[in-house]
Amino acid sequence: MTEKQLTLTGLIAETASLNYQLLQLQIDQLENELIVCIDPLKAMLETAENRAGSTQLNLHSIKHKLTRLQLLRFELNQANQLCQIAA
């Protein structure tokens, strides 16, 4: 390999690694935001009176965060594969 190719390969590997780390941080942050919803959701599901107006949970927001978490995990898997290829 030429020096330019080695430099480019190194940059690709470093970029993939940084992207992986960023995605992992985003996932961790989103998981932390969702953790606070677990107990209230359990309580809501366990009670017979789970009227929508009796909770301060924003179910739309929770669904959005869960969907985003799923997408971030997919991207993280792709970034991991790129890291392995670049290594």
PDB file of N, CA and C in Angstrom:
ATOM      1  N   MET A   1       0.837  -1.187   0.000  1.00  0.00           N
ATOM      2  CA  MET A   1       0.000   0.000   0.000  1.00  0.00           C
ATOM      3  C   MET A   1       0.877   1.245   0.000  1.00  0.00           C
ATOM      4  N   THR A   2       0.370   2.258  -0.646  1.00  0.00           N
ATOM      5  CA  THR A   2       1.096   3.520  -0.646  1.00  0.00           C
ATOM      6  C   THR A   2       0.836   4.256   0.662  1.00  0.00           C
ATOM      7  N   GLU A   3       1.610   5.285   0.871  1.00  0.00           N
ATOM      8  CA  GLU A   3       1.452   6.074   2.099  1.00  0.00           C
ATOM      9  C   GLU A   3       0.070   6.723   2.153  1.00  0.00           C
ATOM     10  N   LYS A   4      -0.419   7.185   1.003  1.00  0.00           N
ATOM     11  CA  LYS A   4      -1.748   7.811   0.959  1.00  0.00           C
ATOM     12  C   LYS A   4      -2.835   6.796   1.298  1.00  0.00           C
ATOM     13  N   GLN A   5      -2.680   5.573   0.786  1.00  0.00           N
ATOM     14  CA  GLN A   5      -3.671   4.537   1.070  1.00  0.00           C
ATOM     15  C   GLN A   5      -3.669   4.174   2.551  1.00  0.00           C
ATOM     16  N   LEU A   6      -2.480   4.102   3.137  1.00  0.00           N
ATOM     17  CA  LEU A   6      -2.388   3.807   4.561  1.00  0.00           C
ATOM     18  C   LEU A   6      -3.020   4.914   5.395  1.00  0.00           C
ATOM     19  N   THR A   7      -2.771   6.160   4.996  1.00  0.00           N
ATOM     20  CA  THR A   7      -3.358   7.297   5.707  1.00  0.00           C
ATOM     21  C   THR A   7      -4.880   7.270   5.592  1.00  0.00           C
ATOM     22  N   LEU A   8      -5.372   7.011   4.386  1.00  0.00           N
ATOM     23  CA  LEU A   8      -6.818   6.949   4.165  1.00  0.00           C
ATOM     24  C   LEU A   8      -7.439   5.808   4.961  1.00  0.00           C
ATOM     25  N   THR A   9      -6.801   4.664   4.972  1.00  0.00           N
ATOM     26  CA  THR A   9      -7.297   3.523   5.738  1.00  0.00           C
ATOM     27  C   THR A   9      -7.338   3.855   7.226  1.00  0.00           C
ATOM     28  N   GLY A  10      -6.296   4.522   7.707  1.00  0.00           N
ATOM     29  CA  GLY A  10      -6.270   4.931   9.114  1.00  0.00           C
ATOM     30  C   GLY A  10      -7.371   5.908   9.447  1.00  0.00           C
ATOM     31  N   LEU A  11      -7.617   6.862   8.541  1.00  0.00           N
ATOM     32  CA  LEU A  11      -8.689   7.837   8.761  1.00  0.00           C
ATOM     33  C   LEU A  11     -10.061   7.167   8.770  1.00  0.00           C
ATOM     34  N   ILE A  12     -10.253   6.210   7.878  1.00  0.00           N
ATOM     35  CA  ILE A  12     -11.525   5.485   7.837  1.00  0.00           C
ATOM     36  C   ILE A  12     -11.728   4.705   9.127  1.00  0.00           C
ATOM     37  N   ALA A  13     -10.674   4.045   9.589  1.00  0.00           N
ATOM     38  CA  ALA A  13     -10.773   3.275  10.834  1.00  0.00           C
ATOM     39  C   ALA A  13     -11.067   4.193  12.019  1.00  0.00           C
ATOM     40  N   GLU A  14     -10.398   5.335  12.069  1.00  0.00           N
ATOM     41  CA  GLU A  14     -10.614   6.280  13.172  1.00  0.00           C
ATOM     42  C   GLU A  14     -12.024   6.857  13.124  1.00  0.00           C
ATOM     43  N   THR A  15     -12.505   7.190  11.930  1.00  0.00           N
ATOM     44  CA  THR A  15     -13.858   7.720  11.769  1.00  0.00           C
ATOM     45  C   THR A  15     -14.893   6.684  12.194  1.00  0.00           C
ATOM     46  N   ALA A  16     -14.689   5.442  11.788  1.00  0.00           N
ATOM     47  CA  ALA A  16     -15.612   4.372  12.165  1.00  0.00           C
ATOM     48  C   ALA A  16     -15.628   4.190  13.680  1.00  0.00           C
ATOM     49  N   SER A  17     -14.469   4.250  14.288  1.00  0.00           N
ATOM     50  CA  SER A  17     -14.377   4.099  15.739  1.00  0.00           C
ATOM     51  C   SER A  17     -15.083   5.246  16.462  1.00  0.00           C
ATOM     52  N   LEU A  18     -14.865   6.472  16.000  1.00  0.00           N
ATOM     53  CA  LEU A  18     -15.522   7.630  16.610  1.00  0.00           C
ATOM     54  C   LEU A  18     -17.036   7.567  16.428  1.00  0.00           C
ATOM     55  N   ASN A  19     -17.478   7.138  15.247  1.00  0.00           N
ATOM     56  CA  ASN A  19     -18.908   7.002  14.984  1.00  0.00           C
ATOM     57  C   ASN A  19     -19.516   5.959  15.920  1.00  0.00           C
ATOM     58  N   TYR A  20     -18.812   4.861  16.116  1.00  0.00           N
ATOM     59  CA  TYR A  20     -19.275   3.810  17.027  1.00  0.00           C
ATOM     60  C   TYR A  20     -19.422   4.363  18.443  1.00  0.00           C
ATOM     61  N   GLN A  21     -18.417   5.093  18.894  1.00  0.00           N
ATOM     62  CA  GLN A  21     -18.453   5.664  20.243  1.00  0.00           C
ATOM     63  C   GLN A  21     -19.602   6.662  20.398  1.00  0.00           C
ATOM     64  N   LEU A  22     -19.816   7.489  19.381  1.00  0.00           N
ATOM     65  CA  LEU A  22     -20.905   8.461  19.426  1.00  0.00           C
ATOM     66  C   LEU A  22     -22.259   7.763  19.490  1.00  0.00           C
ATOM     67  N   LEU A  23     -22.439   6.742  18.670  1.00  0.00           N
ATOM     68  CA  LEU A  23     -23.696   6.000  18.694  1.00  0.00           C
ATOM     69  C   LEU A  23     -23.913   5.337  20.050  1.00  0.00           C
ATOM     70  N   GLN A  24     -22.852   4.792  20.632  1.00  0.00           N
ATOM     71  CA  GLN A  24     -22.975   4.157  21.942  1.00  0.00           C
ATOM     72  C   GLN A  24     -23.385   5.179  23.004  1.00  0.00           C
ATOM     73  N   LEU A  25     -22.821   6.381  22.932  1.00  0.00           N
ATOM     74  CA  LEU A  25     -23.208   7.438  23.872  1.00  0.00           C
ATOM     75  C   LEU A  25     -24.673   7.830  23.701  1.00  0.00           C
ATOM     76  N   GLN A  26     -25.126   7.932  22.445  1.00  0.00           N
ATOM     77  CA  GLN A  26     -26.521   8.279  22.191  1.00  0.00           C
ATOM     78  C   GLN A  26     -27.453   7.197  22.725  1.00  0.00           C
ATOM     79  N   ILE A  27     -27.072   5.941  22.547  1.00  0.00           N
ATOM     80  CA  ILE A  27     -27.879   4.828  23.049  1.00  0.00           C
ATOM     81  C   ILE A  27     -27.943   4.869  24.567  1.00  0.00           C
ATOM     82  N   ASP A  28     -26.801   5.072  25.202  1.00  0.00           N
ATOM     83  CA  ASP A  28     -26.770   5.146  26.670  1.00  0.00           C
ATOM     84  C   ASP A  28     -27.664   6.267  27.189  1.00  0.00           C
ATOM     85  N   GLN A  29     -27.597   7.428  26.542  1.00  0.00           N
ATOM     86  CA  GLN A  29     -28.415   8.566  26.967  1.00  0.00           C
ATOM     87  C   GLN A  29     -29.902   8.253  26.806  1.00  0.00           C
ATOM     88  N   LEU A  30     -30.262   7.676  25.682  1.00  0.00           N
ATOM     89  CA  LEU A  30     -31.662   7.350  25.428  1.00  0.00           C
ATOM     90  C   LEU A  30     -32.163   6.281  26.398  1.00  0.00           C
ATOM     91  N   GLU A  31     -31.335   5.282  26.683  1.00  0.00           N
ATOM     92  CA  GLU A  31     -31.726   4.262  27.656  1.00  0.00           C
ATOM     93  C   GLU A  31     -31.949   4.883  29.035  1.00  0.00           C
ATOM     94  N   ASN A  32     -31.104   5.829  29.413  1.00  0.00           N
ATOM     95  CA  ASN A  32     -31.276   6.509  30.700  1.00  0.00           C
ATOM     96  C   ASN A  32     -32.575   7.301  30.743  1.00  0.00           C
ATOM     97  N   GLU A  33     -32.956   7.902  29.621  1.00  0.00           N
ATOM     98  CA  GLU A  33     -34.216   8.638  29.561  1.00  0.00           C
ATOM     99  C   GLU A  33     -35.411   7.690  29.687  1.00  0.00           C
ATOM    100  N   LEU A  34     -35.264   6.485  29.156  1.00  0.00           N
ATOM    101  CA  LEU A  34     -36.367   5.528  29.184  1.00  0.00           C
ATOM    102  C   LEU A  34     -36.483   4.796  30.521  1.00  0.00           C
ATOM    103  N   ILE A  35     -35.395   4.670  31.243  1.00  0.00           N
ATOM    104  CA  ILE A  35     -35.408   3.952  32.522  1.00  0.00           C
ATOM    105  C   ILE A  35     -36.419   4.559  33.490  1.00  0.00           C
ATOM    106  N   VAL A  36     -36.516   5.880  33.505  1.00  0.00           N
ATOM    107  CA  VAL A  36     -37.434   6.533  34.449  1.00  0.00           C
ATOM    108  C   VAL A  36     -38.899   6.241  34.130  1.00  0.00           C
ATOM    109  N   CYS A  37     -39.174   5.728  32.952  1.00  0.00           N
ATOM    110  CA  CYS A  37     -40.555   5.428  32.559  1.00  0.00           C
ATOM    111  C   CYS A  37     -40.978   4.014  32.944  1.00  0.00           C
ATOM    112  N   ILE A  38     -40.034   3.154  33.282  1.00  0.00           N
ATOM    113  CA  ILE A  38     -40.348   1.739  33.494  1.00  0.00           C
ATOM    114  C   ILE A  38     -41.316   1.519  34.653  1.00  0.00           C
ATOM    115  N   ASP A  39     -40.998   2.044  35.831  1.00  0.00           N
ATOM    116  CA  ASP A  39     -41.869   1.818  36.990  1.00  0.00           C
ATOM    117  C   ASP A  39     -43.267   2.403  36.796  1.00  0.00           C
ATOM    118  N   PRO A  40     -43.389   3.648  36.313  1.00  0.00           N
ATOM    119  CA  PRO A  40     -44.742   4.166  36.067  1.00  0.00           C
ATOM    120  C   PRO A  40     -45.519   3.344  35.034  1.00  0.00           C
ATOM    121  N   LEU A  41     -44.833   2.843  34.015  1.00  0.00           N
ATOM    122  CA  LEU A  41     -45.513   2.005  33.023  1.00  0.00           C
ATOM    123  C   LEU A  41     -45.975   0.689  33.640  1.00  0.00           C
ATOM    124  N   LYS A  42     -45.122   0.081  34.453  1.00  0.00           N
ATOM    125  CA  LYS A  42     -45.519  -1.158  35.136  1.00  0.00           C
ATOM    126  C   LYS A  42     -46.751  -0.920  35.992  1.00  0.00           C
ATOM    127  N   ALA A  43     -46.720   0.150  36.757  1.00  0.00           N
ATOM    128  CA  ALA A  43     -47.850   0.464  37.633  1.00  0.00           C
ATOM    129  C   ALA A  43     -49.118   0.688  36.824  1.00  0.00           C
ATOM    130  N   MET A  44     -48.982   1.381  35.709  1.00  0.00           N
ATOM    131  CA  MET A  44     -50.135   1.662  34.869  1.00  0.00           C
ATOM    132  C   MET A  44     -50.712   0.368  34.298  1.00  0.00           C
ATOM    133  N   LEU A  45     -49.848  -0.546  33.894  1.00  0.00           N
ATOM    134  CA  LEU A  45     -50.317  -1.797  33.308  1.00  0.00           C
ATOM    135  C   LEU A  45     -50.890  -2.754  34.354  1.00  0.00           C
ATOM    136  N   GLU A  46     -50.391  -2.668  35.580  1.00  0.00           N
ATOM    137  CA  GLU A  46     -50.848  -3.574  36.636  1.00  0.00           C
ATOM    138  C   GLU A  46     -52.161  -3.141  37.271  1.00  0.00           C
ATOM    139  N   THR A  47     -52.488  -1.869  37.203  1.00  0.00           N
ATOM    140  CA  THR A  47     -53.721  -1.401  37.829  1.00  0.00           C
ATOM    141  C   THR A  47     -54.901  -1.595  36.896  1.00  0.00           C
ATOM    142  N   ALA A  48     -56.031  -1.804  37.501  1.00  0.00           N
ATOM    143  CA  ALA A  48     -57.253  -1.967  36.711  1.00  0.00           C
ATOM    144  C   ALA A  48     -57.730  -0.625  36.180  1.00  0.00           C
ATOM    145  N   GLU A  49     -57.339   0.440  36.855  1.00  0.00           N
ATOM    146  CA  GLU A  49     -57.774   1.773  36.454  1.00  0.00           C
ATOM    147  C   GLU A  49     -56.644   2.496  35.724  1.00  0.00           C
ATOM    148  N   ASN A  50     -56.317   1.994  34.577  1.00  0.00           N
ATOM    149  CA  ASN A  50     -55.223   2.616  33.831  1.00  0.00           C
ATOM    150  C   ASN A  50     -55.771   3.601  32.797  1.00  0.00           C
ATOM    151  N   ARG A  51     -56.516   4.556  33.305  1.00  0.00           N
ATOM    152  CA  ARG A  51     -57.070   5.584  32.423  1.00  0.00           C
ATOM    153  C   ARG A  51     -55.951   6.470  31.900  1.00  0.00           C
ATOM    154  N   ALA A  52     -56.059   6.863  30.660  1.00  0.00           N
ATOM    155  CA  ALA A  52     -55.009   7.674  30.034  1.00  0.00           C
ATOM    156  C   ALA A  52     -54.809   8.997  30.753  1.00  0.00           C
ATOM    157  N   GLY A  53     -55.873   9.558  31.302  1.00  0.00           N
ATOM    158  CA  GLY A  53     -55.762  10.845  31.974  1.00  0.00           C
ATOM    159  C   GLY A  53     -55.151  10.762  33.361  1.00  0.00           C
ATOM    160  N   SER A  54     -55.022   9.548  33.899  1.00  0.00           N
ATOM    161  CA  SER A  54     -54.510   9.405  35.258  1.00  0.00           C
ATOM    162  C   SER A  54     -52.990   9.290  35.314  1.00  0.00           C
ATOM    163  N   THR A  55     -52.341   9.377  34.198  1.00  0.00           N
ATOM    164  CA  THR A  55     -50.879   9.251  34.175  1.00  0.00           C
ATOM    165  C   THR A  55     -50.258  10.466  33.514  1.00  0.00           C
ATOM    166  N   GLN A  56     -49.059  10.773  33.950  1.00  0.00           N
ATOM    167  CA  GLN A  56     -48.349  11.892  33.336  1.00  0.00           C
ATOM    168  C   GLN A  56     -47.345  11.397  32.303  1.00  0.00           C
ATOM    169  N   LEU A  57     -47.421  10.123  31.969  1.00  0.00           N
ATOM    170  CA  LEU A  57     -46.527   9.567  30.960  1.00  0.00           C
ATOM    171  C   LEU A  57     -46.975  10.005  29.575  1.00  0.00           C
ATOM    172  N   ASN A  58     -46.027  10.336  28.768  1.00  0.00           N
ATOM    173  CA  ASN A  58     -46.312  10.682  27.386  1.00  0.00           C
ATOM    174  C   ASN A  58     -45.980   9.455  26.542  1.00  0.00           C
ATOM    175  N   LEU A  59     -46.994   8.650  26.265  1.00  0.00           N
ATOM    176  CA  LEU A  59     -46.768   7.390  25.560  1.00  0.00           C
ATOM    177  C   LEU A  59     -46.213   7.606  24.159  1.00  0.00           C
ATOM    178  N   HIS A  60     -46.624   8.687  23.516  1.00  0.00           N
ATOM    179  CA  HIS A  60     -46.094   8.985  22.181  1.00  0.00           C
ATOM    180  C   HIS A  60     -44.588   9.234  22.256  1.00  0.00           C
ATOM    181  N   SER A  61     -44.170   9.962  23.259  1.00  0.00           N
ATOM    182  CA  SER A  61     -42.749  10.249  23.442  1.00  0.00           C
ATOM    183  C   SER A  61     -41.962   8.971  23.735  1.00  0.00           C
ATOM    184  N   ILE A  62     -42.530   8.105  24.567  1.00  0.00           N
ATOM    185  CA  ILE A  62     -41.863   6.845  24.886  1.00  0.00           C
ATOM    186  C   ILE A  62     -41.722   5.987  23.635  1.00  0.00           C
ATOM    187  N   LYS A  63     -42.787   5.916  22.842  1.00  0.00           N
ATOM    188  CA  LYS A  63     -42.742   5.136  21.602  1.00  0.00           C
ATOM    189  C   LYS A  63     -41.677   5.698  20.666  1.00  0.00           C
ATOM    190  N   HIS A  64     -41.614   7.013  20.562  1.00  0.00           N
ATOM    191  CA  HIS A  64     -40.614   7.656  19.707  1.00  0.00           C
ATOM    192  C   HIS A  64     -39.199   7.308  20.176  1.00  0.00           C
ATOM    193  N   LYS A  65     -38.974   7.351  21.482  1.00  0.00           N
ATOM    194  CA  LYS A  65     -37.646   7.043  22.026  1.00  0.00           C
ATOM    195  C   LYS A  65     -37.278   5.580  21.798  1.00  0.00           C
ATOM    196  N   LEU A  66     -38.248   4.685  21.954  1.00  0.00           N
ATOM    197  CA  LEU A  66     -37.976   3.268  21.715  1.00  0.00           C
ATOM    198  C   LEU A  66     -37.653   3.000  20.250  1.00  0.00           C
ATOM    199  N   THR A  67     -38.366   3.664  19.355  1.00  0.00           N
ATOM    200  CA  THR A  67     -38.081   3.526  17.930  1.00  0.00           C
ATOM    201  C   THR A  67     -36.698   4.062  17.608  1.00  0.00           C
ATOM    202  N   ARG A  68     -36.371   5.209  18.173  1.00  0.00           N
ATOM    203  CA  ARG A  68     -35.037   5.792  17.961  1.00  0.00           C
ATOM    204  C   ARG A  68     -33.950   4.876  18.516  1.00  0.00           C
ATOM    205  N   LEU A  69     -34.205   4.273  19.665  1.00  0.00           N
ATOM    206  CA  LEU A  69     -33.243   3.353  20.262  1.00  0.00           C
ATOM    207  C   LEU A  69     -32.996   2.162  19.340  1.00  0.00           C
ATOM    208  N   GLN A  70     -34.057   1.644  18.760  1.00  0.00           N
ATOM    209  CA  GLN A  70     -33.924   0.524  17.831  1.00  0.00           C
ATOM    210  C   GLN A  70     -33.085   0.926  16.613  1.00  0.00           C
ATOM    211  N   LEU A  71     -33.331   2.108  16.076  1.00  0.00           N
ATOM    212  CA  LEU A  71     -32.560   2.579  14.924  1.00  0.00           C
ATOM    213  C   LEU A  71     -31.096   2.813  15.284  1.00  0.00           C
ATOM    214  N   LEU A  72     -30.846   3.382  16.461  1.00  0.00           N
ATOM    215  CA  LEU A  72     -29.467   3.616  16.888  1.00  0.00           C
ATOM    216  C   LEU A  72     -28.714   2.305  17.076  1.00  0.00           C
ATOM    217  N   ARG A  73     -29.389   1.302  17.604  1.00  0.00           N
ATOM    218  CA  ARG A  73     -28.732  -0.003  17.769  1.00  0.00           C
ATOM    219  C   ARG A  73     -28.405  -0.623  16.416  1.00  0.00           C
ATOM    220  N   PHE A  74     -29.282  -0.438  15.439  1.00  0.00           N
ATOM    221  CA  PHE A  74     -29.009  -0.916  14.087  1.00  0.00           C
ATOM    222  C   PHE A  74     -27.783  -0.202  13.516  1.00  0.00           C
ATOM    223  N   GLU A  75     -27.739   1.131  13.672  1.00  0.00           N
ATOM    224  CA  GLU A  75     -26.588   1.901  13.201  1.00  0.00           C
ATOM    225  C   GLU A  75     -25.316   1.496  13.930  1.00  0.00           C
ATOM    226  N   LEU A  76     -25.436   1.210  15.222  1.00  0.00           N
ATOM    227  CA  LEU A  76     -24.276   0.784  16.007  1.00  0.00           C
ATOM    228  C   LEU A  76     -23.731  -0.534  15.469  1.00  0.00           C
ATOM    229  N   ASN A  77     -24.608  -1.437  15.111  1.00  0.00           N
ATOM    230  CA  ASN A  77     -24.190  -2.710  14.535  1.00  0.00           C
ATOM    231  C   ASN A  77     -23.455  -2.485  13.215  1.00  0.00           C
ATOM    232  N   GLN A  78     -23.973  -1.585  12.390  1.00  0.00           N
ATOM    233  CA  GLN A  78     -23.308  -1.272  11.124  1.00  0.00           C
ATOM    234  C   GLN A  78     -21.947  -0.633  11.366  1.00  0.00           C
ATOM    235  N   ALA A  79     -21.872   0.273  12.333  1.00  0.00           N
ATOM    236  CA  ALA A  79     -20.602   0.925  12.650  1.00  0.00           C
ATOM    237  C   ALA A  79     -19.592  -0.096  13.161  1.00  0.00           C
ATOM    238  N   ASN A  80     -20.058  -1.052  13.943  1.00  0.00           N
ATOM    239  CA  ASN A  80     -19.181  -2.107  14.446  1.00  0.00           C
ATOM    240  C   ASN A  80     -18.629  -2.939  13.289  1.00  0.00           C
ATOM    241  N   GLN A  81     -19.471  -3.255  12.334  1.00  0.00           N
ATOM    242  CA  GLN A  81     -19.015  -4.011  11.165  1.00  0.00           C
ATOM    243  C   GLN A  81     -17.983  -3.216  10.374  1.00  0.00           C
ATOM    244  N   LEU A  82     -18.208  -1.916  10.234  1.00  0.00           N
ATOM    245  CA  LEU A  82     -17.256  -1.069   9.524  1.00  0.00           C
ATOM    246  C   LEU A  82     -15.926  -1.009  10.268  1.00  0.00           C
ATOM    247  N   CYS A  83     -15.985  -0.944  11.592  1.00  0.00           N
ATOM    248  CA  CYS A  83     -14.754  -0.948  12.395  1.00  0.00           C
ATOM    249  C   CYS A  83     -13.968  -2.233  12.163  1.00  0.00           C
ATOM    250  N   GLN A  84     -14.681  -3.348  12.098  1.00  0.00           N
ATOM    251  CA  GLN A  84     -14.010  -4.628  11.886  1.00  0.00           C
ATOM    252  C   GLN A  84     -13.391  -4.707  10.497  1.00  0.00           C
ATOM    253  N   ILE A  85     -14.086  -4.168   9.511  1.00  0.00           N
ATOM    254  CA  ILE A  85     -13.555  -4.173   8.143  1.00  0.00           C
ATOM    255  C   ILE A  85     -12.341  -3.266   8.043  1.00  0.00           C
ATOM    256  N   ALA A  86     -12.420  -2.116   8.689  1.00  0.00           N
ATOM    257  CA  ALA A  86     -11.335  -1.130   8.599  1.00  0.00           C
ATOM    258  C   ALA A  86     -10.100  -1.549   9.397  1.00  0.00           C
ATOM    259  N   ALA A  87     -10.287  -2.456  10.348  1.00  0.00           N
ATOM    260  CA  ALA A  87      -9.147  -2.866  11.198  1.00  0.00           C
ATOM    261  C   ALA A  87      -8.185  -3.787  10.473  1.00  0.00           C
TER     262      ALA A  87
END
